[in-house]
C-alpha atoms as a PDB file:
ATOM      1  CA  MET A   1      94.317 153.837 146.078  1.00  0.00           C
ATOM      2  CA  GLU A   2      98.064 153.825 146.874  1.00  0.00           C
ATOM      3  CA  LYS A   3      99.895 156.515 148.344  1.00  0.00           C
ATOM      4  CA  MET A   4     101.361 158.790 145.770  1.00  0.00           C
ATOM      5  CA  GLU A   5     104.751 158.739 147.454  1.00  0.00           C
ATOM      6  CA  HIS A   6     104.959 155.120 147.686  1.00  0.00           C
ATOM      7  CA  LEU A   7     104.244 155.104 143.897  1.00  0.00           C
ATOM      8  CA  VAL A   8     106.800 157.242 143.136  1.00  0.00           C
ATOM      9  CA  GLN A   9     109.468 155.473 145.238  1.00  0.00           C
ATOM     10  CA  MET A  10     108.369 152.262 143.027  1.00  0.00           C
ATOM     11  CA  ALA A  11     108.627 154.139 139.832  1.00  0.00           C
ATOM     12  CA  ARG A  12     112.017 155.407 140.736  1.00  0.00           C
ATOM     13  CA  LYS A  13     113.035 152.049 141.154  1.00  0.00           C
ATOM     14  CA  GLY A  14     111.878 151.087 137.779  1.00  0.00           C
ATOM     15  CA  ASP A  15     108.300 149.706 138.424  1.00  0.00           C
ATOM     16  CA  THR A  16     106.606 150.560 135.271  1.00  0.00           C
ATOM     17  CA  ASP A  17     102.988 149.809 136.609  1.00  0.00           C
ATOM     18  CA  ALA A  18     103.771 152.326 139.453  1.00  0.00           C
ATOM     19  CA  PHE A  19     104.539 154.940 136.920  1.00  0.00           C
ATOM     20  CA  VAL A  20     101.351 154.056 135.104  1.00  0.00           C
ATOM     21  CA  LYS A  21      99.340 154.642 138.005  1.00  0.00           C
ATOM     22  CA  LEU A  22     101.005 157.952 138.535  1.00  0.00           C
ATOM     23  CA  ILE A  23     100.190 158.817 135.118  1.00  0.00           C
ATOM     24  CA  GLU A  24      96.630 157.854 135.285  1.00  0.00           C
ATOM     25  CA  ASN A  25      96.051 159.708 138.846  1.00  0.00           C
ATOM     26  CA  SER A  26      97.330 162.796 137.114  1.00  0.00           C
ATOM     27  CA  GLN A  27      95.666 162.507 133.698  1.00  0.00           C
ATOM     28  CA  ASP A  28      92.791 165.081 134.354  1.00  0.00           C
ATOM     29  CA  THR A  29      95.195 167.799 135.602  1.00  0.00           C
ATOM     30  CA  LEU A  30      97.602 167.113 132.531  1.00  0.00           C
ATOM     31  CA  LYS A  31      94.387 167.739 130.256  1.00  0.00           C
ATOM     32  CA  ARG A  32      93.148 170.521 131.813  1.00  0.00           C
ATOM     33  CA  VAL A  33      96.298 172.502 132.066  1.00  0.00           C
ATOM     34  CA  SER A  34      97.481 171.724 128.855  1.00  0.00           C
ATOM     35  CA  PHE A  35      94.247 172.841 127.298  1.00  0.00           C
ATOM     36  CA  ALA A  36      94.401 176.184 129.160  1.00  0.00           C
ATOM     37  CA  TRP A  37      97.647 176.659 127.282  1.00  0.00           C
ATOM     38  CA  LEU A  38      97.208 175.220 123.920  1.00  0.00           C
ATOM     39  CA  LYS A  39      93.365 175.046 123.246  1.00  0.00           C
ATOM     40  CA  ASN A  40      93.812 172.532 120.370  1.00  0.00           C
ATOM     41  CA  GLU A  41      93.369 168.544 121.104  1.00  0.00           C
ATOM     42  CA  ASN A  42      96.437 167.422 118.751  1.00  0.00           C
ATOM     43  CA  ASP A  43      98.441 169.791 120.492  1.00  0.00           C
ATOM     44  CA  VAL A  44      97.200 168.785 123.741  1.00  0.00           C
ATOM     45  CA  ALA A  45      97.815 164.956 123.290  1.00  0.00           C
ATOM     46  CA  ASP A  46     101.409 165.990 122.039  1.00  0.00           C
ATOM     47  CA  ALA A  47     102.281 167.970 125.038  1.00  0.00           C
ATOM     48  CA  ILE A  48     100.903 165.380 127.109  1.00  0.00           C
ATOM     49  CA  GLN A  49     102.826 162.212 125.350  1.00  0.00           C
ATOM     50  CA  ASP A  50     105.863 164.365 125.484  1.00  0.00           C
ATOM     51  CA  THR A  51     105.521 164.818 129.128  1.00  0.00           C
ATOM     52  CA  ILE A  52     105.030 161.169 130.089  1.00  0.00           C
ATOM     53  CA  LEU A  53     108.125 160.213 128.133  1.00  0.00           C
ATOM     54  CA  ASP A  54     110.081 162.939 129.585  1.00  0.00           C
ATOM     55  CA  ALA A  55     108.999 162.082 133.397  1.00  0.00           C
ATOM     56  CA  PHE A  56     109.459 158.571 132.598  1.00  0.00           C
ATOM     57  CA  ALA A  57     112.903 159.108 131.337  1.00  0.00           C
ATOM     58  CA  ASN A  58     113.542 161.337 134.225  1.00  0.00           C
ATOM     59  CA  ILE A  59     111.721 160.104 137.322  1.00  0.00           C
ATOM     60  CA  ARG A  60     114.928 159.397 139.152  1.00  0.00           C
ATOM     61  CA  GLN A  61     115.973 162.774 139.172  1.00  0.00           C
ATOM     62  CA  LEU A  62     112.857 163.746 141.363  1.00  0.00           C
ATOM     63  CA  LYS A  63     114.289 164.664 144.552  1.00  0.00           C
ATOM     64  CA  LYS A  64     111.073 164.574 146.683  1.00  0.00           C
ATOM     65  CA  ALA A  65     108.148 162.049 145.981  1.00  0.00           C
ATOM     66  CA  GLU A  66     105.567 164.717 147.569  1.00  0.00           C
ATOM     67  CA  TYR A  67     106.496 167.057 144.762  1.00  0.00           C
ATOM     68  CA  PHE A  68     105.587 164.558 142.070  1.00  0.00           C
ATOM     69  CA  LYS A  69     102.588 166.313 140.561  1.00  0.00           C
ATOM     70  CA  THR A  70     104.397 169.825 140.726  1.00  0.00           C
ATOM     71  CA  TRP A  71     107.369 168.463 138.998  1.00  0.00           C
ATOM     72  CA  LEU A  72     105.220 166.898 136.545  1.00  0.00           C
ATOM     73  CA  VAL A  73     103.075 169.628 135.577  1.00  0.00           C
ATOM     74  CA  LYS A  74     106.424 171.558 135.310  1.00  0.00           C
ATOM     75  CA  ILE A  75     107.368 169.397 132.370  1.00  0.00           C
ATOM     76  CA  LEU A  76     104.159 169.742 130.926  1.00  0.00           C
ATOM     77  CA  ILE A  77     104.214 173.548 130.952  1.00  0.00           C
ATOM     78  CA  ASN A  78     107.921 173.408 129.321  1.00  0.00           C
ATOM     79  CA  ASN A  79     106.295 171.339 126.648  1.00  0.00           C
ATOM     80  CA  CYS A  80     103.600 173.329 126.114  1.00  0.00           C
ATOM     81  CA  THR A  81     105.651 176.380 125.784  1.00  0.00           C
ATOM     82  CA  ARG A  82     107.591 174.651 123.236  1.00  0.00           C
ATOM     83  CA  ILE A  83     104.566 173.404 121.171  1.00  0.00           C
ATOM     84  CA  TYR A  84     103.151 177.078 121.511  1.00  0.00           C
ATOM     85  CA  ARG A  85     106.095 178.719 120.317  1.00  0.00           C
ATOM     86  CA  LYS A  86     106.376 176.467 117.404  1.00  0.00           C
ATOM     87  CA  ASN A  87     102.791 176.636 116.340  1.00  0.00           C
ATOM     88  CA  ARG A  88     103.007 180.500 116.745  1.00  0.00           C
ATOM     89  CA  LYS A  89     105.863 180.899 114.207  1.00  0.00           C
ATOM     90  CA  LEU A  90     103.925 178.649 111.737  1.00  0.00           C
ATOM     91  CA  LEU A  91     100.708 180.572 111.989  1.00  0.00           C
ATOM     92  CA  GLN A  92     102.736 183.902 111.492  1.00  0.00           C
ATOM     93  CA  PHE A  93     102.936 182.848 107.814  1.00  0.00           C
ATOM     94  CA  GLU A  94      99.821 180.559 107.587  1.00  0.00           C
ATOM     95  CA  VAL A  95      96.549 182.382 108.795  1.00  0.00           C
ATOM     96  CA  SER A  96      95.483 185.306 110.810  1.00  0.00           C
ATOM     97  CA  ALA A  97      94.875 185.422 114.572  1.00  0.00           C
ATOM     98  CA  ASP A  98      91.328 185.640 113.912  1.00  0.00           C
ATOM     99  CA  ARG A  99      91.004 182.569 111.730  1.00  0.00           C
ATOM    100  CA  PHE A 100      93.614 180.874 113.985  1.00  0.00           C
ATOM    101  CA  GLN A 101      91.110 181.050 116.860  1.00  0.00           C
ATOM    102  CA  LYS A 102      87.734 179.968 114.864  1.00  0.00           C
ATOM    103  CA  GLU A 103      89.809 176.877 113.307  1.00  0.00           C
ATOM    104  CA  ASN A 104      91.002 175.548 116.726  1.00  0.00           C
ATOM    105  CA  ARG A 105      88.113 175.739 118.574  1.00  0.00           C
ATOM    106  CA  THR A 106      87.055 172.146 119.047  1.00  0.00           C
ATOM    107  CA  ASP A 107      83.756 170.788 119.580  1.00  0.00           C
ATOM    108  CA  ALA A 108      84.691 167.655 121.111  1.00  0.00           C
ATOM    109  CA  VAL A 109      86.312 169.353 123.941  1.00  0.00           C
ATOM    110  CA  ARG A 110      83.234 171.665 124.504  1.00  0.00           C
ATOM    111  CA  GLU A 111      80.847 168.533 124.445  1.00  0.00           C
ATOM    112  CA  GLU A 112      83.114 166.565 126.861  1.00  0.00           C
ATOM    113  CA  ALA A 113      83.065 169.468 129.344  1.00  0.00           C
ATOM    114  CA  VAL A 114      79.670 169.653 131.352  1.00  0.00           C
ATOM    115  CA  GLY A 115      78.437 172.058 133.807  1.00  0.00           C
ATOM    116  CA  ALA A 116      80.574 174.192 135.623  1.00  0.00           C
ATOM    117  CA  GLU A 117      83.714 172.776 134.034  1.00  0.00           C
ATOM    118  CA  LEU A 118      82.141 174.352 130.651  1.00  0.00           C
ATOM    119  CA  GLU A 119      81.494 177.720 132.239  1.00  0.00           C
ATOM    120  CA  PHE A 120      84.935 177.590 133.733  1.00  0.00           C
ATOM    121  CA  PHE A 121      86.589 176.741 130.208  1.00  0.00           C
ATOM    122  CA  ASP A 122      84.621 179.522 128.516  1.00  0.00           C
ATOM    123  CA  LEU A 123      85.749 181.980 131.321  1.00  0.00           C
ATOM    124  CA  LEU A 124      89.142 181.111 130.495  1.00  0.00           C
ATOM    125  CA  LYS A 125      88.980 182.270 127.124  1.00  0.00           C
ATOM    126  CA  ILE A 126      88.222 185.903 128.104  1.00  0.00           C
ATOM    127  CA  LEU A 127      91.542 186.112 129.913  1.00  0.00           C
ATOM    128  CA  PRO A 128      94.788 186.948 128.351  1.00  0.00           C
ATOM    129  CA  GLU A 129      97.223 184.327 127.354  1.00  0.00           C
ATOM    130  CA  ASP A 130      99.300 185.075 130.315  1.00  0.00           C
ATOM    131  CA  SER A 131      96.614 184.596 132.807  1.00  0.00           C
ATOM    132  CA  ARG A 132      94.872 181.423 131.470  1.00  0.00           C
ATOM    133  CA  VAL A 133      97.404 178.737 132.793  1.00  0.00           C
ATOM    134  CA  ILE A 134      97.416 180.501 136.188  1.00  0.00           C
ATOM    135  CA  PHE A 135      93.887 180.630 136.602  1.00  0.00           C
ATOM    136  CA  GLN A 136      93.604 176.907 135.545  1.00  0.00           C
ATOM    137  CA  MET A 137      96.458 175.793 137.891  1.00  0.00           C
ATOM    138  CA  TYR A 138      95.170 178.153 140.815  1.00  0.00           C
ATOM    139  CA  PHE A 139      91.340 177.507 140.631  1.00  0.00           C
ATOM    140  CA  GLY A 140      91.258 174.495 138.531  1.00  0.00           C
ATOM    141  CA  GLU A 141      94.023 172.329 140.147  1.00  0.00           C
ATOM    142  CA  GLN A 142      94.424 174.090 143.493  1.00  0.00           C
ATOM    143  CA  PHE A 143      98.176 174.608 143.112  1.00  0.00           C
ATOM    144  CA  THR A 144      99.512 177.350 145.539  1.00  0.00           C
ATOM    145  CA  ILE A 145     100.685 180.787 144.505  1.00  0.00           C
ATOM    146  CA  ALA A 146     104.178 179.631 145.634  1.00  0.00           C
ATOM    147  CA  GLU A 147     103.730 176.338 143.310  1.00  0.00           C
ATOM    148  CA  ILE A 148     102.435 178.322 140.127  1.00  0.00           C
ATOM    149  CA  ALA A 149     105.256 180.629 140.613  1.00  0.00           C
ATOM    150  CA  GLU A 150     108.138 178.027 140.606  1.00  0.00           C
ATOM    151  CA  ILE A 151     106.535 175.976 137.868  1.00  0.00           C
ATOM    152  CA  LEU A 152     106.128 179.075 135.455  1.00  0.00           C
ATOM    153  CA  HIS A 153     109.485 180.738 136.596  1.00  0.00           C
ATOM    154  CA  MET A 154     107.741 183.807 137.685  1.00  0.00           C
ATOM    155  CA  LYS A 155     107.786 185.986 141.259  1.00  0.00           C
ATOM    156  CA  GLU A 156     104.705 185.363 143.544  1.00  0.00           C
ATOM    157  CA  ASN A 157     103.581 188.663 143.337  1.00  0.00           C
ATOM    158  CA  THR A 158     103.315 188.523 139.501  1.00  0.00           C
ATOM    159  CA  VAL A 159     101.037 185.296 139.851  1.00  0.00           C
ATOM    160  CA  LYS A 160      99.088 187.198 142.587  1.00  0.00           C
ATOM    161  CA  SER A 161      98.869 190.488 140.401  1.00  0.00           C
ATOM    162  CA  ARG A 162      97.657 188.209 137.310  1.00  0.00           C
ATOM    163  CA  ILE A 163      95.173 186.384 139.269  1.00  0.00           C
ATOM    164  CA  HIS A 164      93.758 189.851 140.520  1.00  0.00           C
ATOM    165  CA  ARG A 165      93.659 191.354 137.315  1.00  0.00           C
ATOM    166  CA  GLY A 166      92.093 188.208 135.775  1.00  0.00           C
ATOM    167  CA  LYS A 167      89.117 188.354 138.544  1.00  0.00           C
ATOM    168  CA  THR A 168      88.746 191.850 137.832  1.00  0.00           C
ATOM    169  CA  GLN A 169      88.412 191.010 134.065  1.00  0.00           C
ATOM    170  CA  LEU A 170      86.000 188.358 134.607  1.00  0.00           C
ATOM    171  CA  ARG A 171      83.917 190.348 137.077  1.00  0.00           C
ATOM    172  CA  LYS A 172      83.346 192.839 134.274  1.00  0.00           C
ATOM    173  CA  GLN A 173      82.563 190.455 131.642  1.00  0.00           C
ATOM    174  CA  ILE A 174      80.079 188.620 133.682  1.00  0.00           C
ATOM    175  CA  GLU A 175      78.510 192.166 134.650  1.00  0.00           C
ATOM    176  CA  LYS A 176      78.429 192.957 130.807  1.00  0.00           C
ATOM    177  CA  GLU A 177      76.760 189.591 130.323  1.00  0.00           C
ATOM    178  CA  ASN A 178      74.081 190.104 132.729  1.00  0.00           C
ATOM    179  CA  ARG A 179      73.292 193.581 131.552  1.00  0.00           C
ATOM    180  CA  ARG A 180      72.831 192.071 127.998  1.00  0.00           C
ATOM    181  CA  ALA A 181      70.485 189.203 129.524  1.00  0.00           C
ATOM    182  CA  LYS A 182      68.207 191.794 130.917  1.00  0.00           C
END
Protein backbone atom coordinates (compact mmCIF):
# COMPACT_ATOMS: atom_id res chain seq x y z
CA MET A 1 0.00 0.00 0.00
CA GLU A 2 1.29 3.40 -0.95
CA LYS A 3 1.94 5.85 1.82
CA MET A 4 -0.95 8.16 2.53
CA GLU A 5 1.24 11.27 2.40
CA HIS A 6 2.41 10.36 -1.09
CA LEU A 7 -1.16 9.75 -2.25
CA VAL A 8 -2.23 13.11 -0.81
CA GLN A 9 0.61 14.86 -2.63
CA MET A 10 -0.43 13.19 -5.88
CA ALA A 11 -4.11 14.00 -5.34
CA ARG A 12 -3.25 17.65 -4.69
CA LYS A 13 -1.55 17.70 -8.09
CA GLY A 14 -4.77 16.46 -9.72
CA ASP A 15 -4.16 12.69 -9.75
CA THR A 16 -7.70 11.29 -9.49
CA ASP A 17 -6.46 7.71 -9.05
CA ALA A 18 -4.53 8.76 -5.95
CA PHE A 19 -7.62 10.51 -4.61
CA VAL A 20 -9.72 7.38 -5.21
CA LYS A 21 -7.17 5.29 -3.29
CA LEU A 22 -7.31 7.74 -0.38
CA ILE A 23 -11.10 7.50 -0.28
CA GLU A 24 -10.99 3.69 -0.54
CA ASN A 25 -8.57 3.58 2.41
CA SER A 26 -10.92 5.79 4.43
CA GLN A 27 -14.22 4.23 3.39
CA ASP A 28 -14.79 2.13 6.52
CA THR A 29 -14.07 5.09 8.79
CA LEU A 30 -16.49 7.28 6.83
CA LYS A 31 -19.24 4.66 7.12
CA ARG A 32 -18.79 4.01 10.83
CA VAL A 33 -18.60 7.66 11.83
CA SER A 34 -21.58 8.68 9.70
CA PHE A 35 -23.71 5.74 10.96
CA ALA A 36 -22.96 6.78 14.54
CA TRP A 37 -24.28 10.22 13.66
CA LEU A 38 -27.16 9.55 11.26
CA LYS A 39 -28.29 5.91 11.74
CA ASN A 40 -29.93 5.80 8.30
CA GLU A 41 -28.40 4.20 5.19
CA ASN A 42 -29.68 6.81 2.74
CA ASP A 43 -28.49 9.72 4.87
CA VAL A 44 -25.13 8.02 5.40
CA ALA A 45 -24.75 7.54 1.64
CA ASP A 46 -25.60 11.21 1.05
CA ALA A 47 -23.16 12.39 3.71
CA ILE A 48 -20.35 10.25 2.33
CA GLN A 49 -21.05 11.31 -1.24
CA ASP A 50 -21.08 15.00 -0.26
CA THR A 51 -17.87 14.48 1.73
CA ILE A 52 -16.09 12.89 -1.23
CA LEU A 53 -17.18 15.71 -3.53
CA ASP A 54 -16.17 18.39 -1.00
CA ALA A 55 -12.82 16.73 -0.36
CA PHE A 56 -12.09 16.38 -4.08
CA ALA A 57 -12.97 20.02 -4.72
CA ASN A 58 -10.85 21.24 -1.79
CA ILE A 59 -7.90 18.79 -1.61
CA ARG A 60 -5.47 21.55 -2.58
CA GLN A 61 -6.43 23.46 0.59
CA LEU A 62 -5.22 20.63 2.86
CA LYS A 63 -2.09 22.05 4.49
CA LYS A 64 -0.45 18.90 5.89
CA ALA A 65 -0.78 15.54 4.17
CA GLU A 66 -0.51 13.57 7.43
CA TYR A 67 -3.81 15.13 8.58
CA PHE A 68 -5.81 13.89 5.59
CA LYS A 69 -7.96 11.49 7.59
CA THR A 70 -8.73 14.09 10.26
CA TRP A 71 -9.52 16.67 7.57
CA LEU A 72 -11.79 14.20 5.76
CA VAL A 73 -13.68 13.25 8.93
CA LYS A 74 -14.11 16.93 9.75
CA ILE A 75 -15.77 17.44 6.37
CA LEU A 76 -17.91 14.35 7.02
CA ILE A 77 -19.04 15.61 10.44
CA ASN A 78 -20.06 18.94 8.89
CA ASN A 79 -22.10 17.12 6.24
CA CYS A 80 -23.66 14.79 8.82
CA THR A 81 -24.60 17.76 10.98
CA ARG A 82 -26.24 19.50 8.02
CA ILE A 83 -28.23 16.38 7.08
CA TYR A 84 -29.18 15.70 10.71
CA ARG A 85 -30.49 19.24 11.19
CA LYS A 86 -32.43 19.11 7.93
CA ASN A 87 -33.99 15.78 8.91
CA ARG A 88 -34.79 16.95 12.41
CA LYS A 89 -36.74 19.91 11.04
CA LEU A 90 -38.67 17.65 8.66
CA LEU A 91 -39.38 15.06 11.33
CA GLN A 92 -40.88 17.56 13.72
CA PHE A 93 -43.77 17.87 11.29
CA GLU A 94 -44.00 14.26 10.12
CA VAL A 95 -43.57 11.73 12.92
CA SER A 96 -42.91 11.42 16.61
CA ALA A 97 -39.39 10.64 17.85
CA ASP A 98 -40.41 7.13 18.90
CA ARG A 99 -41.80 6.25 15.47
CA PHE A 100 -38.72 7.80 13.83
CA GLN A 101 -36.38 5.45 15.69
CA LYS A 102 -38.43 2.39 14.71
CA GLU A 103 -38.64 3.36 11.04
CA ASN A 104 -34.95 4.16 10.68
CA ARG A 105 -33.57 0.96 12.22
CA THR A 106 -32.11 -0.80 9.21
CA ASP A 107 -31.89 -4.56 9.17
CA ALA A 108 -29.33 -4.48 6.34
CA VAL A 109 -26.86 -2.56 8.50
CA ARG A 110 -27.39 -4.96 11.40
CA GLU A 111 -26.83 -7.99 9.16
CA GLU A 112 -23.65 -6.47 7.76
CA ALA A 113 -22.14 -6.01 11.21
CA VAL A 114 -20.61 -9.07 12.84
CA GLY A 115 -19.42 -10.06 16.31
CA ALA A 116 -17.94 -7.20 18.29
CA GLU A 117 -18.89 -4.64 15.68
CA LEU A 118 -22.56 -5.53 16.17
CA GLU A 119 -22.24 -5.28 19.93
CA PHE A 120 -20.43 -1.94 19.64
CA PHE A 121 -23.10 -0.65 17.23
CA ASP A 122 -25.84 -1.73 19.65
CA LEU A 123 -24.03 -0.17 22.61
CA LEU A 124 -23.75 3.14 20.78
CA LYS A 125 -27.55 3.33 20.63
CA ILE A 126 -27.65 3.49 24.43
CA LEU A 127 -25.59 6.67 24.49
CA PRO A 128 -27.03 10.15 24.15
CA GLU A 129 -26.67 11.82 20.74
CA ASP A 130 -23.82 14.06 21.89
CA SER A 131 -21.68 11.06 22.90
CA ARG A 132 -22.24 8.58 20.04
CA VAL A 133 -19.95 10.18 17.51
CA ILE A 134 -17.28 10.80 20.13
CA PHE A 135 -17.34 7.11 21.13
CA GLN A 136 -17.21 5.98 17.51
CA MET A 137 -14.28 8.26 16.77
CA TYR A 138 -12.37 7.44 19.98
CA PHE A 139 -12.97 3.71 20.39
CA GLY A 140 -13.93 2.73 16.85
CA GLU A 141 -11.51 4.85 14.82
CA GLN A 142 -8.78 5.54 17.41
CA PHE A 143 -8.79 9.30 17.00
CA THR A 144 -7.10 11.09 19.90
CA ILE A 145 -9.06 13.31 22.26
CA ALA A 146 -7.29 16.34 20.78
CA GLU A 147 -8.24 15.33 17.24
CA ILE A 148 -11.88 14.75 18.22
CA ALA A 149 -12.00 18.11 19.97
CA GLU A 150 -10.64 19.82 16.87
CA ILE A 151 -12.98 18.02 14.46
CA LEU A 152 -16.09 18.63 16.57
CA HIS A 153 -15.09 22.15 17.64
CA MET A 154 -15.15 21.27 21.34
CA LYS A 155 -12.83 21.65 24.26
CA GLU A 156 -10.74 18.59 25.08
CA ASN A 157 -12.24 18.47 28.58
CA THR A 158 -15.72 18.28 27.06
CA VAL A 159 -14.67 15.29 24.96
CA LYS A 160 -13.10 13.63 28.01
CA SER A 161 -16.18 14.18 30.17
CA ARG A 162 -18.51 12.76 27.49
CA ILE A 163 -16.31 9.69 27.18
CA HIS A 164 -16.33 9.27 30.96
CA ARG A 165 -20.08 9.85 31.22
CA GLY A 166 -20.70 7.44 28.34
CA LYS A 167 -18.55 4.72 29.91
CA THR A 168 -20.49 5.08 33.16
CA GLN A 169 -23.79 4.86 31.33
CA LEU A 170 -22.69 1.79 29.34
CA ARG A 171 -21.37 0.09 32.48
CA LYS A 172 -24.74 0.58 34.20
CA GLN A 173 -26.61 -0.76 31.18
CA ILE A 174 -24.39 -3.84 30.94
CA GLU A 175 -24.83 -4.53 34.67
CA LYS A 176 -28.59 -4.17 34.23
CA GLU A 177 -28.58 -6.62 31.30
CA ASN A 178 -26.46 -9.08 33.28
CA ARG A 179 -28.92 -8.97 36.21
CA ARG A 180 -31.80 -9.61 33.81
CA ALA A 181 -29.98 -12.57 32.26
CA LYS A 182 -29.56 -14.29 35.66
